[in-house]
């Protein structure tokens, strides 16, 4: 296959592990099977996306295949199915398949059926809550119908796949959004999982409609421009200028509820937030600088970037600048790989748990 031939030629040999990101399309099973047979490695993971990231920049409707060759890193893949009905148990099952010496995990889960927060909770029950996990939830090019996950030669849906890194390597992570709170904080007075029913005793949709005015008829689409920010102990993760965001996924106009791409705890204090192109791109710079600082004096070997599809919507034709800025900060010669997600996994700083984020760019640098 041309994809695998190009990858092997660039790397100089067959990779030890591979990542595949693409838009949903017919023939994915045949494509993955061909890649698997050609490379002869079981360590292939990935998913469908809302846009693909490579050293060539942003591409849409494309296929991106990347790999790592290393005699210092060992990889092991894990897979679990049926995550939508048993998220926490699925997370524990996934984590139990990883090697005992795992130091870092990349996770790709269904972006429509799974609960990423519960999945992380299940993984933490096995791995502890300080083992860094990065990655994202799968997309389907903005259709919000069905997403697919890749593991070895399997094309799955309603699944989660992971790849564990163990051995001798260094890790730097950085994460920022660019959104800031606006208006008075409000209390979540009724919620269940990722569905918000009431704010300050009022139907959540009514609160959003009052804020958005004539633009409210564009919900849930316009909601990506005004994500919900979790404040105080619910969203204050101990890092200056960063708090957890939740992006709107759907609305129920009859019951006045809003469903988000991540959990909204009942009792939490929240605020609507806003951003502009400048603040979003500045956040990309900051995330890259934080990852580089976290890496210390070690030499960056590869960049993994998982960014939210909402950022792509707001940035529009300037989306490529996000990738350009990250590469400029870390080094344009360092290869980059990733995709635009329906939700991002990453730790906030080196001693924090990993969280599910929305509307956020996450940058991980593997160093030697």
Protein backbone atom coordinates (compact mmCIF):
# COMPACT_ATOMS: atom_id res chain seq x y z
CA UNK A 1 0.00 0.00 0.00
CA UNK A 2 1.20 3.49 -0.84
CA UNK A 3 0.45 4.78 2.68
CA UNK A 4 2.57 2.16 4.39
CA UNK A 5 5.35 2.34 1.82
CA UNK A 6 5.62 6.10 2.33
CA UNK A 7 5.62 5.73 6.12
CA UNK A 8 8.32 3.03 6.12
CA UNK A 9 10.44 5.09 3.73
CA UNK A 10 10.21 8.18 5.94
CA UNK A 11 10.99 6.24 9.12
CA UNK A 12 13.72 4.12 7.57
CA UNK A 13 12.16 0.89 8.84
CA UNK A 14 8.87 -0.68 9.88
CA UNK A 15 7.37 1.19 12.86
CA UNK A 16 6.83 -0.36 16.27
CA UNK A 17 3.47 1.38 16.62
CA UNK A 18 1.12 3.26 14.28
CA UNK A 19 -1.70 5.82 14.52
CA UNK A 20 -4.43 6.10 11.88
CA UNK A 21 -6.88 9.01 11.68
CA UNK A 22 -9.35 9.57 8.85
CA UNK A 23 -12.79 10.82 7.90
CA UNK A 24 -15.48 8.12 7.84
CA UNK A 25 -15.68 6.45 4.44
CA UNK A 26 -16.52 3.20 2.78
CA UNK A 27 -13.67 0.72 2.63
CA UNK A 28 -12.19 1.54 6.06
CA UNK A 29 -12.02 -2.15 7.03
CA UNK A 30 -10.19 -3.05 3.83
CA UNK A 31 -7.81 -0.10 4.27
CA UNK A 32 -6.99 -0.98 7.89
CA UNK A 33 -6.60 -4.65 7.01
CA UNK A 34 -4.14 -3.75 4.26
CA UNK A 35 -2.13 -1.49 6.60
CA UNK A 36 -2.07 -4.19 9.28
CA UNK A 37 -0.94 -6.91 6.87
CA UNK A 38 1.64 -4.68 5.21
CA UNK A 39 3.28 -3.47 8.44
CA UNK A 40 2.93 -6.71 10.41
CA UNK A 41 2.44 -4.94 13.76
CA UNK A 42 -0.57 -5.36 16.07
CA UNK A 43 0.13 -1.92 17.58
CA UNK A 44 -2.18 0.08 15.32
CA UNK A 45 -4.70 2.44 16.94
CA UNK A 46 -6.78 5.40 15.88
CA UNK A 47 -10.27 6.52 14.95
CA UNK A 48 -12.40 8.57 12.60
CA UNK A 49 -12.16 12.32 13.02
CA UNK A 50 -13.44 15.79 12.24
CA UNK A 51 -10.19 16.78 10.54
CA UNK A 52 -6.74 15.24 10.34
CA UNK A 53 -3.44 16.73 11.56
CA UNK A 54 -0.03 15.83 10.15
CA UNK A 55 3.27 17.51 9.31
CA UNK A 56 1.54 18.69 6.13
CA UNK A 57 -0.91 20.65 8.29
CA UNK A 58 -4.70 20.31 8.47
CA UNK A 59 -6.50 18.11 5.96
CA UNK A 60 -10.17 17.20 5.61
CA UNK A 61 -11.60 14.01 4.14
CA UNK A 62 -8.14 12.49 4.23
CA UNK A 63 -6.22 9.59 5.74
CA UNK A 64 -3.26 10.24 8.04
CA UNK A 65 -0.95 7.40 9.09
CA UNK A 66 1.95 7.98 11.46
CA UNK A 67 4.33 5.73 13.34
CA UNK A 68 7.15 5.52 15.85
CA UNK A 69 10.37 3.54 15.59
CA UNK A 70 12.15 3.12 18.92
CA UNK A 71 14.28 0.58 20.72
CA UNK A 72 13.60 2.42 24.01
CA UNK A 73 9.80 2.38 24.05
CA UNK A 74 7.56 -0.66 24.27
CA UNK A 75 3.93 -0.49 23.20
CA UNK A 76 0.84 -2.49 24.04
CA UNK A 77 -2.65 -1.95 22.67
CA UNK A 78 -5.96 -2.56 24.41
CA UNK A 79 -9.57 -2.58 23.25
CA UNK A 80 -13.01 -2.76 24.85
CA UNK A 81 -16.43 -2.73 23.22
CA UNK A 82 -19.93 -1.70 24.22
CA UNK A 83 -18.72 1.35 26.14
CA UNK A 84 -22.02 3.22 25.92
CA UNK A 85 -23.75 0.88 28.36
CA UNK A 86 -20.87 0.32 30.80
CA UNK A 87 -18.41 3.19 30.63
CA UNK A 88 -16.65 2.81 33.99
CA UNK A 89 -16.40 -0.99 33.72
CA UNK A 90 -15.15 -0.61 30.15
CA UNK A 91 -12.43 1.77 31.34
CA UNK A 92 -11.26 -0.70 33.99
CA UNK A 93 -11.29 -3.51 31.42
CA UNK A 94 -9.24 -1.42 29.01
CA UNK A 95 -6.65 -0.49 31.65
CA UNK A 96 -6.26 -4.09 32.82
CA UNK A 97 -5.01 -5.07 29.34
CA UNK A 98 -2.06 -2.67 29.45
CA UNK A 99 1.43 -3.68 30.53
CA UNK A 100 2.26 -3.36 34.27
CA UNK A 101 5.05 -0.87 33.57
CA UNK A 102 2.92 1.48 31.48
CA UNK A 103 3.97 5.12 31.96
CA UNK A 104 1.71 6.89 29.46
CA UNK A 105 -1.52 6.02 27.61
CA UNK A 106 -3.24 7.35 24.52
CA UNK A 107 -6.99 6.76 24.47
CA UNK A 108 -9.48 6.94 21.58
CA UNK A 109 -13.16 6.33 22.35
CA UNK A 110 -16.53 6.64 20.64
CA UNK A 111 -17.42 10.32 20.54
CA UNK A 112 -21.19 9.77 20.49
CA UNK A 113 -22.02 6.75 22.67
CA UNK A 114 -19.40 6.81 25.40
CA UNK A 115 -19.07 8.85 28.60
CA UNK A 116 -15.42 9.91 28.59
CA UNK A 117 -15.47 11.03 32.23
CA UNK A 118 -16.70 7.62 33.42
CA UNK A 119 -14.25 5.87 31.10
CA UNK A 120 -11.35 7.76 32.71
CA UNK A 121 -12.70 6.97 36.16
CA UNK A 122 -12.67 3.26 35.33
CA UNK A 123 -9.12 3.44 34.02
CA UNK A 124 -7.98 5.32 37.13
CA UNK A 125 -9.40 2.53 39.33
CA UNK A 126 -6.77 0.23 37.81
CA UNK A 127 -3.91 2.56 36.86
CA UNK A 128 -4.23 5.21 39.56
CA UNK A 129 -5.24 8.79 38.82
CA UNK A 130 -1.75 10.16 38.15
CA UNK A 131 -0.80 8.08 35.12
CA UNK A 132 -1.03 10.50 32.16
CA UNK A 133 -3.71 9.75 29.57
CA UNK A 134 -4.07 11.76 26.36
CA UNK A 135 -6.07 11.38 23.17
CA UNK A 136 -9.62 12.13 22.19
CA UNK A 137 -13.08 10.96 21.32
CA UNK A 138 -13.73 9.96 17.74
CA UNK A 139 -15.56 12.17 15.26
CA UNK A 140 -17.50 11.63 12.04
CA UNK A 141 -16.78 14.82 10.06
CA UNK A 142 -19.45 16.79 11.92
CA UNK A 143 -22.37 14.48 11.06
CA UNK A 144 -22.93 13.30 14.67
CA UNK A 145 -24.30 9.97 13.47
CA UNK A 146 -21.68 7.25 14.14
CA UNK A 147 -17.95 7.11 14.85
CA UNK A 148 -15.42 4.32 14.45
CA UNK A 149 -12.34 3.22 16.40
CA UNK A 150 -9.35 1.26 15.10
CA UNK A 151 -7.34 -1.45 16.88
CA UNK A 152 -4.99 -3.78 15.02
CA UNK A 153 -7.03 -4.86 12.01
CA UNK A 154 -10.42 -4.20 13.66
CA UNK A 155 -12.81 -1.38 12.75
CA UNK A 156 -15.14 -0.93 15.73
CA UNK A 157 -17.91 1.35 16.92
CA UNK A 158 -19.18 2.03 20.46
CA UNK A 159 -15.68 1.06 21.55
CA UNK A 160 -12.54 2.45 23.18
CA UNK A 161 -8.99 1.63 22.18
CA UNK A 162 -5.76 2.54 23.93
CA UNK A 163 -2.03 2.21 23.46
CA UNK A 164 0.31 2.13 26.42
CA UNK A 165 3.90 3.40 26.37
CA UNK A 166 6.51 1.89 28.67
CA UNK A 167 10.29 2.14 28.70
CA UNK A 168 12.80 4.99 28.51
CA UNK A 169 11.27 8.23 27.23
CA UNK A 170 10.24 11.70 28.42
CA UNK A 171 6.87 13.37 28.27
CA UNK A 172 5.67 16.96 28.06
CA UNK A 173 2.02 18.00 27.98
CA UNK A 174 0.29 21.34 27.54
CA UNK A 175 -3.37 22.31 27.39
CA UNK A 176 -5.30 25.56 26.96
CA UNK A 177 -8.62 26.76 25.51
CA UNK A 178 -8.75 30.55 25.10
CA UNK A 179 -12.32 30.84 26.44
CA UNK A 180 -13.09 33.04 29.48
CA UNK A 181 -16.19 33.27 31.73
CA UNK A 182 -18.80 35.98 31.11
CA UNK A 183 -21.72 37.07 33.24
CA UNK A 184 -22.64 35.97 36.75
CA UNK A 185 -21.95 32.37 37.87
CA UNK A 186 -24.97 30.08 38.09
CA UNK A 187 -25.66 26.91 40.05
CA UNK A 188 -26.53 23.61 38.41
CA UNK A 189 -29.73 22.77 40.29
CA UNK A 190 -30.67 19.70 38.24
CA UNK A 191 -28.47 17.53 36.02
CA UNK A 192 -27.86 13.89 35.20
CA UNK A 193 -24.58 12.82 33.62
CA UNK A 194 -24.02 15.11 30.66
CA UNK A 195 -27.59 16.43 30.50
CA UNK A 196 -28.29 19.77 32.17
CA UNK A 197 -31.89 20.43 33.15
CA UNK A 198 -31.84 23.48 35.42
CA UNK A 199 -29.65 26.48 36.26
CA UNK A 200 -30.66 28.44 39.37
CA UNK A 201 -33.96 26.56 39.31
CA UNK A 202 -34.79 27.62 35.73
CA UNK A 203 -34.81 25.38 32.65
CA UNK A 204 -31.24 25.43 31.31
CA UNK A 205 -32.36 26.10 27.76
CA UNK A 206 -34.32 29.16 28.89
CA UNK A 207 -31.17 30.58 30.52
CA UNK A 208 -29.17 30.03 27.34
CA UNK A 209 -31.94 31.53 25.19
CA UNK A 210 -32.05 34.67 27.33
CA UNK A 211 -28.29 35.06 27.00
CA UNK A 212 -28.15 34.35 23.26
CA UNK A 213 -31.21 36.40 22.30
CA UNK A 214 -32.14 36.10 18.64
CA UNK A 215 -29.24 33.67 18.08
CA UNK A 216 -30.84 31.08 20.40
CA UNK A 217 -32.70 29.50 17.47
CA UNK A 218 -29.28 28.34 16.21
CA UNK A 219 -28.77 26.09 19.23
CA UNK A 220 -27.12 23.65 19.60
CA UNK A 221 -24.78 24.68 16.76
CA UNK A 222 -24.06 28.17 18.10
CA UNK A 223 -23.36 26.66 21.52
CA UNK A 224 -19.83 25.78 20.44
CA UNK A 225 -19.06 29.51 20.55
CA UNK A 226 -20.31 29.79 24.14
CA UNK A 227 -19.34 26.62 26.03
CA UNK A 228 -20.24 26.09 29.65
CA UNK A 229 -17.33 26.59 32.06
CA UNK A 230 -17.17 24.65 35.33
CA UNK A 231 -16.04 26.98 38.11
CA UNK A 232 -14.60 26.64 41.61
CA UNK A 233 -13.91 23.14 42.90
CA UNK A 234 -15.82 21.63 39.97
CA UNK A 235 -13.61 23.11 37.28
CA UNK A 236 -10.66 24.72 39.04
CA UNK A 237 -7.94 22.20 38.36
CA UNK A 238 -5.22 24.17 40.11
CA UNK A 239 -3.83 25.79 36.99
CA UNK A 240 -3.98 29.53 36.37
CA UNK A 241 -6.24 30.63 33.51
CA UNK A 242 -7.64 27.16 32.89
CA UNK A 243 -10.94 25.55 33.81
CA UNK A 244 -12.98 22.69 32.37
CA UNK A 245 -15.31 23.45 29.47
CA UNK A 246 -18.40 21.63 28.25
CA UNK A 247 -19.64 21.97 24.66
CA UNK A 248 -23.31 21.71 23.66
CA UNK A 249 -24.25 18.56 21.71
CA UNK A 250 -28.06 18.72 21.55
CA UNK A 251 -31.09 20.46 23.04
CA UNK A 252 -34.53 19.21 24.03
CA UNK A 253 -36.81 22.20 23.54
CA UNK A 254 -39.82 20.42 25.06
CA UNK A 255 -38.16 19.71 28.43
CA UNK A 256 -35.80 22.68 28.27
CA UNK A 257 -32.61 20.63 28.69
CA UNK A 258 -29.18 20.76 27.06
CA UNK A 259 -26.88 17.78 26.53
CA UNK A 260 -23.14 18.43 26.61
CA UNK A 261 -20.10 16.50 25.41
CA UNK A 262 -18.98 15.87 29.01
CA UNK A 263 -20.49 15.49 32.46
CA UNK A 264 -21.99 18.50 34.26
CA UNK A 265 -22.16 17.73 38.01
CA UNK A 266 -25.32 18.64 39.89
CA UNK A 267 -24.53 21.38 42.43
CA UNK A 268 -21.64 22.77 40.39
CA UNK A 269 -21.14 26.48 39.78
CA UNK A 270 -20.90 27.32 36.09
CA UNK A 271 -20.67 30.24 33.71
CA UNK A 272 -21.10 30.74 30.01
CA UNK A 273 -17.84 31.61 28.30
CA UNK A 274 -16.68 33.32 25.13
CA UNK A 275 -13.57 33.62 22.99
CA UNK A 276 -12.34 35.12 19.76
CA UNK A 277 -9.91 34.02 17.10
CA UNK A 278 -6.98 35.81 18.73
CA UNK A 279 -7.51 34.25 22.17
CA UNK A 280 -8.00 30.75 20.69
CA UNK A 281 -4.78 30.95 18.68
CA UNK A 282 -2.91 32.43 21.64
CA UNK A 283 -4.07 29.44 23.67
CA UNK A 284 -2.51 27.13 21.06
CA UNK A 285 0.79 28.96 21.52
CA UNK A 286 0.50 28.63 25.29
CA UNK A 287 -0.32 24.91 25.16
CA UNK A 288 2.75 24.24 23.02
CA UNK A 289 5.00 26.31 25.28
CA UNK A 290 3.68 24.49 28.35
CA UNK A 291 4.37 21.10 26.75
CA UNK A 292 7.89 22.18 25.84
CA UNK A 293 8.54 23.48 29.36
CA UNK A 294 7.18 20.24 30.81
CA UNK A 295 9.60 18.28 28.62
CA UNK A 296 12.53 20.21 30.08
CA UNK A 297 15.94 19.85 28.48
CA UNK A 298 15.03 16.70 26.56
CA UNK A 299 14.89 16.65 22.78
CA UNK A 300 11.36 16.55 21.27
CA UNK A 301 10.91 13.59 18.91
CA UNK A 302 7.21 13.71 18.02
CA UNK A 303 4.18 15.92 18.74
CA UNK A 304 0.68 14.55 19.27
CA UNK A 305 -2.04 17.18 18.94
CA UNK A 306 -5.69 16.51 19.81
CA UNK A 307 -7.87 19.58 19.39
CA UNK A 308 -11.63 20.15 19.57
CA UNK A 309 -13.79 20.36 16.47
CA UNK A 310 -15.44 23.42 18.05
CA UNK A 311 -12.14 25.27 17.73
CA UNK A 312 -12.09 24.38 14.05
CA UNK A 313 -15.61 25.75 13.65
CA UNK A 314 -14.75 29.06 15.30
CA UNK A 315 -11.36 29.43 13.60
CA UNK A 316 -12.72 28.53 10.17
CA UNK A 317 -10.17 29.19 7.45
CA UNK A 318 -7.58 30.10 10.08
CA UNK A 319 -7.62 26.62 11.67
CA UNK A 320 -4.31 25.76 10.03
CA UNK A 321 -2.71 28.53 12.10
CA UNK A 322 -3.30 26.52 15.26
CA UNK A 323 -1.11 23.71 13.93
CA UNK A 324 1.43 26.17 12.50
CA UNK A 325 1.83 27.89 15.87
CA UNK A 326 2.29 24.63 17.75
CA UNK A 327 4.99 23.50 15.32
CA UNK A 328 6.72 26.89 15.40
CA UNK A 329 6.86 26.80 19.21
CA UNK A 330 8.19 23.25 19.52
CA UNK A 331 10.22 23.05 16.32
CA UNK A 332 9.05 22.88 12.68
CA UNK A 333 11.33 19.89 12.11
CA UNK A 334 9.50 17.81 14.75
CA UNK A 335 6.78 15.63 13.16
CA UNK A 336 3.21 16.21 14.34
CA UNK A 337 0.26 13.84 14.31
CA UNK A 338 -3.33 14.07 15.55
CA UNK A 339 -6.89 15.04 14.70
CA UNK A 340 -9.87 17.25 15.56
CA UNK A 341 -12.01 15.50 18.16
CA UNK A 342 -15.44 15.53 19.80
CA UNK A 343 -13.68 15.69 23.20
CA UNK A 344 -10.06 15.71 24.41
CA UNK A 345 -8.25 13.66 27.06
CA UNK A 346 -5.25 15.14 28.85
CA UNK A 347 -3.79 16.03 32.23
CA UNK A 348 -3.60 19.71 33.17
CA UNK A 349 -0.11 19.56 34.66
CA UNK A 350 2.41 16.85 35.46
CA UNK A 351 0.97 15.95 38.87
CA UNK A 352 -2.74 16.16 38.05
CA UNK A 353 -5.28 13.53 36.98
CA UNK A 354 -6.32 13.30 33.35
CA UNK A 355 -9.67 14.86 32.43
CA UNK A 356 -12.11 14.94 29.54
CA UNK A 357 -12.09 18.44 28.02
CA UNK A 358 -14.11 20.26 25.37
CA UNK A 359 -13.19 23.24 23.15
CA UNK A 360 -9.55 22.70 24.15
CA UNK A 361 -6.26 22.02 22.40
CA UNK A 362 -3.99 19.40 23.95
CA UNK A 363 -0.33 19.00 23.03
CA UNK A 364 1.83 16.04 24.01
CA UNK A 365 5.52 15.88 23.15
CA UNK A 366 7.46 12.62 23.36
CA UNK A 367 11.14 13.32 24.03
CA UNK A 368 14.34 11.35 24.22
